Amino acid sequence: MADDTMEKFINPYTDLDNLDFLDETKVNWDSEESKKVFWDNYSVMKAAVDKGFQKGILKEKSSTAYRMQAMGFSVEQIAQVVDMEVKDIKRLFK
């Protein structure tokens, strides 16, 4: 990596409204290093966002499963409603 290239790290407290390094219009498309840095950063952010969405979905499914259990639904019914395997629901309630 060139000395004048600043490495960018993803900080969990990053202000997601100001991600200039992911702006395609600000990339020097003539530079291979600039392209690489852009796509590396893009891939990392996309993976982090995707992981966050999956984590949020799982959290909501778990919350729904607990509420349904409190209402007296069977494990099979809960699994069908929250679209999870019965074994995963049983493991959740242990």
N, C-alpha and C. Protein backbone atom coordinates (compact mmCIF):
# COMPACT_ATOMS: atom_id res chain seq x y z
N MET A 1 0.85 -1.17 0.00
CA MET A 1 0.00 0.00 0.00
C MET A 1 0.89 1.24 0.00
N ALA A 2 0.50 2.21 -0.76
CA ALA A 2 1.28 3.44 -0.87
C ALA A 2 1.27 4.18 0.46
N ASP A 3 2.35 4.94 0.71
CA ASP A 3 2.47 5.67 1.97
C ASP A 3 1.40 6.73 2.13
N ASP A 4 0.95 7.31 1.02
CA ASP A 4 -0.04 8.39 1.11
C ASP A 4 -1.48 7.88 1.21
N THR A 5 -1.67 6.58 1.20
CA THR A 5 -3.01 6.01 1.30
C THR A 5 -3.36 5.81 2.76
N MET A 6 -4.48 6.37 3.16
CA MET A 6 -4.92 6.23 4.55
C MET A 6 -5.77 4.98 4.67
N GLU A 7 -5.44 4.12 5.61
CA GLU A 7 -6.25 2.94 5.83
C GLU A 7 -7.52 3.34 6.56
N LYS A 8 -8.61 2.70 6.21
CA LYS A 8 -9.88 2.99 6.84
C LYS A 8 -10.37 1.75 7.58
N PHE A 9 -10.78 1.95 8.81
CA PHE A 9 -11.31 0.87 9.61
C PHE A 9 -12.76 1.16 9.95
N ILE A 10 -13.55 0.13 10.06
CA ILE A 10 -14.96 0.31 10.38
C ILE A 10 -15.11 0.38 11.89
N ASN A 11 -15.57 1.52 12.36
CA ASN A 11 -15.77 1.76 13.77
C ASN A 11 -17.25 1.48 14.07
N PRO A 12 -17.54 0.73 15.12
CA PRO A 12 -18.95 0.43 15.41
C PRO A 12 -19.78 1.68 15.72
N TYR A 13 -19.12 2.80 16.02
CA TYR A 13 -19.82 4.03 16.33
C TYR A 13 -19.80 5.00 15.14
N THR A 14 -19.51 4.48 13.95
CA THR A 14 -19.44 5.31 12.76
C THR A 14 -20.79 5.95 12.47
N ASP A 15 -20.74 7.22 12.10
CA ASP A 15 -21.94 7.92 11.67
C ASP A 15 -22.27 7.44 10.27
N LEU A 16 -23.30 6.62 10.13
CA LEU A 16 -23.61 6.00 8.85
C LEU A 16 -24.17 6.97 7.83
N ASP A 17 -24.42 8.22 8.22
CA ASP A 17 -24.88 9.22 7.27
C ASP A 17 -23.72 9.89 6.55
N ASN A 18 -22.50 9.66 7.00
CA ASN A 18 -21.34 10.34 6.43
C ASN A 18 -20.27 9.33 6.06
N LEU A 19 -20.55 8.51 5.07
CA LEU A 19 -19.60 7.50 4.64
C LEU A 19 -19.01 7.90 3.28
N ASP A 20 -18.25 9.01 3.28
CA ASP A 20 -17.69 9.53 2.03
C ASP A 20 -16.82 8.51 1.32
N PHE A 21 -16.14 7.65 2.07
CA PHE A 21 -15.25 6.69 1.43
C PHE A 21 -16.01 5.61 0.66
N LEU A 22 -17.33 5.58 0.79
CA LEU A 22 -18.14 4.64 0.01
C LEU A 22 -18.87 5.32 -1.14
N ASP A 23 -18.55 6.59 -1.38
CA ASP A 23 -19.20 7.36 -2.44
C ASP A 23 -18.48 7.10 -3.77
N GLU A 24 -19.17 6.44 -4.69
CA GLU A 24 -18.56 6.09 -5.98
C GLU A 24 -18.12 7.31 -6.76
N THR A 25 -18.77 8.44 -6.56
CA THR A 25 -18.41 9.64 -7.32
C THR A 25 -17.09 10.24 -6.86
N LYS A 26 -16.62 9.85 -5.67
CA LYS A 26 -15.37 10.40 -5.14
C LYS A 26 -14.20 9.44 -5.33
N VAL A 27 -14.40 8.38 -6.08
CA VAL A 27 -13.33 7.40 -6.30
C VAL A 27 -12.57 7.77 -7.56
N ASN A 28 -11.26 7.73 -7.47
CA ASN A 28 -10.41 7.94 -8.64
C ASN A 28 -10.37 6.62 -9.40
N TRP A 29 -11.25 6.48 -10.39
CA TRP A 29 -11.39 5.21 -11.10
C TRP A 29 -10.20 4.91 -11.99
N ASP A 30 -9.26 5.85 -12.14
CA ASP A 30 -8.05 5.60 -12.92
C ASP A 30 -7.01 4.86 -12.09
N SER A 31 -7.14 4.92 -10.78
CA SER A 31 -6.18 4.30 -9.89
C SER A 31 -6.68 2.92 -9.44
N GLU A 32 -5.90 1.90 -9.68
CA GLU A 32 -6.27 0.55 -9.25
C GLU A 32 -6.36 0.46 -7.73
N GLU A 33 -5.46 1.16 -7.04
CA GLU A 33 -5.47 1.13 -5.57
C GLU A 33 -6.75 1.78 -5.04
N SER A 34 -7.18 2.87 -5.67
CA SER A 34 -8.40 3.54 -5.25
C SER A 34 -9.61 2.64 -5.46
N LYS A 35 -9.65 1.94 -6.57
CA LYS A 35 -10.74 1.00 -6.83
C LYS A 35 -10.77 -0.10 -5.78
N LYS A 36 -9.57 -0.63 -5.48
CA LYS A 36 -9.48 -1.72 -4.50
C LYS A 36 -9.96 -1.26 -3.13
N VAL A 37 -9.52 -0.08 -2.70
CA VAL A 37 -9.92 0.44 -1.40
C VAL A 37 -11.43 0.65 -1.36
N PHE A 38 -11.99 1.22 -2.44
CA PHE A 38 -13.43 1.45 -2.48
C PHE A 38 -14.19 0.14 -2.35
N TRP A 39 -13.85 -0.86 -3.16
CA TRP A 39 -14.61 -2.11 -3.15
C TRP A 39 -14.37 -2.90 -1.87
N ASP A 40 -13.17 -2.80 -1.29
CA ASP A 40 -12.93 -3.45 0.01
C ASP A 40 -13.82 -2.83 1.07
N ASN A 41 -13.86 -1.50 1.11
CA ASN A 41 -14.70 -0.80 2.10
C ASN A 41 -16.18 -1.11 1.87
N TYR A 42 -16.58 -1.11 0.62
CA TYR A 42 -17.97 -1.40 0.28
C TYR A 42 -18.35 -2.81 0.76
N SER A 43 -17.48 -3.77 0.50
CA SER A 43 -17.76 -5.16 0.89
C SER A 43 -17.87 -5.31 2.40
N VAL A 44 -16.98 -4.65 3.12
CA VAL A 44 -17.01 -4.73 4.58
C VAL A 44 -18.30 -4.11 5.12
N MET A 45 -18.67 -2.95 4.60
CA MET A 45 -19.88 -2.30 5.08
C MET A 45 -21.13 -3.10 4.72
N LYS A 46 -21.17 -3.64 3.51
CA LYS A 46 -22.32 -4.44 3.09
C LYS A 46 -22.46 -5.67 3.98
N ALA A 47 -21.34 -6.33 4.27
CA ALA A 47 -21.38 -7.51 5.14
C ALA A 47 -21.84 -7.13 6.55
N ALA A 48 -21.37 -5.99 7.05
CA ALA A 48 -21.76 -5.55 8.39
C ALA A 48 -23.25 -5.23 8.45
N VAL A 49 -23.75 -4.56 7.43
CA VAL A 49 -25.18 -4.22 7.39
C VAL A 49 -26.02 -5.48 7.27
N ASP A 50 -25.60 -6.40 6.39
CA ASP A 50 -26.34 -7.66 6.24
C ASP A 50 -26.37 -8.45 7.55
N LYS A 51 -25.21 -8.48 8.24
CA LYS A 51 -25.15 -9.20 9.52
C LYS A 51 -26.06 -8.54 10.54
N GLY A 52 -26.09 -7.21 10.54
CA GLY A 52 -26.96 -6.48 11.46
C GLY A 52 -28.42 -6.77 11.21
N PHE A 53 -28.81 -6.80 9.93
CA PHE A 53 -30.20 -7.12 9.60
C PHE A 53 -30.55 -8.52 10.06
N GLN A 54 -29.67 -9.48 9.80
CA GLN A 54 -29.93 -10.86 10.21
C GLN A 54 -30.05 -10.97 11.73
N LYS A 55 -29.18 -10.25 12.44
CA LYS A 55 -29.23 -10.27 13.90
C LYS A 55 -30.54 -9.67 14.40
N GLY A 56 -30.99 -8.59 13.77
CA GLY A 56 -32.25 -7.96 14.14
C GLY A 56 -33.44 -8.86 13.87
N ILE A 57 -33.41 -9.56 12.74
CA ILE A 57 -34.49 -10.47 12.40
C ILE A 57 -34.56 -11.60 13.42
N LEU A 58 -33.41 -12.17 13.76
CA LEU A 58 -33.38 -13.26 14.75
C LEU A 58 -33.87 -12.78 16.11
N LYS A 59 -33.50 -11.56 16.49
CA LYS A 59 -33.93 -11.02 17.78
C LYS A 59 -35.46 -10.87 17.80
N GLU A 60 -36.03 -10.40 16.72
CA GLU A 60 -37.49 -10.23 16.65
C GLU A 60 -38.20 -11.58 16.65
N LYS A 61 -37.63 -12.56 15.93
CA LYS A 61 -38.23 -13.90 15.94
C LYS A 61 -38.21 -14.49 17.35
N SER A 62 -37.10 -14.30 18.05
CA SER A 62 -36.99 -14.82 19.42
C SER A 62 -37.99 -14.14 20.33
N SER A 63 -38.12 -12.84 20.19
CA SER A 63 -39.08 -12.09 21.00
C SER A 63 -40.51 -12.58 20.74
N THR A 64 -40.83 -12.79 19.49
CA THR A 64 -42.15 -13.29 19.13
C THR A 64 -42.38 -14.69 19.70
N ALA A 65 -41.35 -15.53 19.62
CA ALA A 65 -41.46 -16.90 20.15
C ALA A 65 -41.73 -16.89 21.65
N TYR A 66 -41.03 -16.01 22.40
CA TYR A 66 -41.25 -15.94 23.84
C TYR A 66 -42.66 -15.45 24.16
N ARG A 67 -43.16 -14.47 23.42
CA ARG A 67 -44.52 -13.99 23.66
C ARG A 67 -45.53 -15.09 23.36
N MET A 68 -45.30 -15.84 22.29
CA MET A 68 -46.22 -16.93 21.94
C MET A 68 -46.19 -18.03 22.99
N GLN A 69 -45.01 -18.33 23.53
CA GLN A 69 -44.90 -19.35 24.58
C GLN A 69 -45.70 -18.91 25.80
N ALA A 70 -45.59 -17.63 26.14
CA ALA A 70 -46.33 -17.10 27.29
C ALA A 70 -47.84 -17.18 27.06
N MET A 71 -48.27 -17.15 25.82
CA MET A 71 -49.69 -17.23 25.49
C MET A 71 -50.18 -18.67 25.38
N GLY A 72 -49.25 -19.63 25.52
CA GLY A 72 -49.64 -21.04 25.54
C GLY A 72 -49.60 -21.76 24.20
N PHE A 73 -48.97 -21.18 23.20
CA PHE A 73 -48.83 -21.86 21.91
C PHE A 73 -47.87 -23.05 22.04
N SER A 74 -48.08 -24.08 21.23
CA SER A 74 -47.16 -25.23 21.24
C SER A 74 -45.87 -24.86 20.50
N VAL A 75 -44.83 -25.64 20.76
CA VAL A 75 -43.54 -25.40 20.11
C VAL A 75 -43.68 -25.52 18.59
N GLU A 76 -44.48 -26.46 18.13
CA GLU A 76 -44.68 -26.64 16.70
C GLU A 76 -45.36 -25.43 16.07
N GLN A 77 -46.37 -24.89 16.77
CA GLN A 77 -47.06 -23.70 16.27
C GLN A 77 -46.12 -22.50 16.22
N ILE A 78 -45.33 -22.36 17.26
CA ILE A 78 -44.38 -21.24 17.32
C ILE A 78 -43.38 -21.35 16.18
N ALA A 79 -42.87 -22.56 15.96
CA ALA A 79 -41.89 -22.77 14.89
C ALA A 79 -42.49 -22.42 13.53
N GLN A 80 -43.73 -22.76 13.34
CA GLN A 80 -44.39 -22.47 12.06
C GLN A 80 -44.59 -20.96 11.88
N VAL A 81 -45.00 -20.28 12.92
CA VAL A 81 -45.27 -18.85 12.81
C VAL A 81 -43.99 -18.04 12.61
N VAL A 82 -42.94 -18.34 13.37
CA VAL A 82 -41.71 -17.55 13.27
C VAL A 82 -40.75 -18.09 12.22
N ASP A 83 -41.15 -19.16 11.52
CA ASP A 83 -40.35 -19.73 10.43
C ASP A 83 -38.96 -20.17 10.91
N MET A 84 -38.97 -20.98 11.97
CA MET A 84 -37.74 -21.56 12.51
C MET A 84 -37.97 -23.06 12.69
N GLU A 85 -36.89 -23.79 12.84
CA GLU A 85 -36.98 -25.22 13.09
C GLU A 85 -37.44 -25.47 14.53
N VAL A 86 -38.16 -26.57 14.75
CA VAL A 86 -38.64 -26.93 16.09
C VAL A 86 -37.46 -27.09 17.05
N LYS A 87 -36.38 -27.71 16.57
CA LYS A 87 -35.21 -27.91 17.45
C LYS A 87 -34.61 -26.58 17.88
N ASP A 88 -34.64 -25.56 17.00
CA ASP A 88 -34.12 -24.25 17.36
C ASP A 88 -35.01 -23.56 18.38
N ILE A 89 -36.31 -23.75 18.26
CA ILE A 89 -37.25 -23.17 19.23
C ILE A 89 -37.05 -23.83 20.59
N LYS A 90 -36.90 -25.16 20.61
CA LYS A 90 -36.67 -25.87 21.88
C LYS A 90 -35.37 -25.39 22.52
N ARG A 91 -34.34 -25.20 21.72
CA ARG A 91 -33.05 -24.73 22.24
C ARG A 91 -33.20 -23.30 22.78
N LEU A 92 -34.01 -22.49 22.14
CA LEU A 92 -34.24 -21.12 22.58
C LEU A 92 -34.89 -21.08 23.95
N PHE A 93 -35.79 -22.03 24.24
CA PHE A 93 -36.52 -22.03 25.49
C PHE A 93 -35.77 -22.72 26.64
N LYS A 94 -34.64 -23.30 26.37
CA LYS A 94 -33.87 -23.97 27.45
C LYS A 94 -33.13 -22.97 28.29
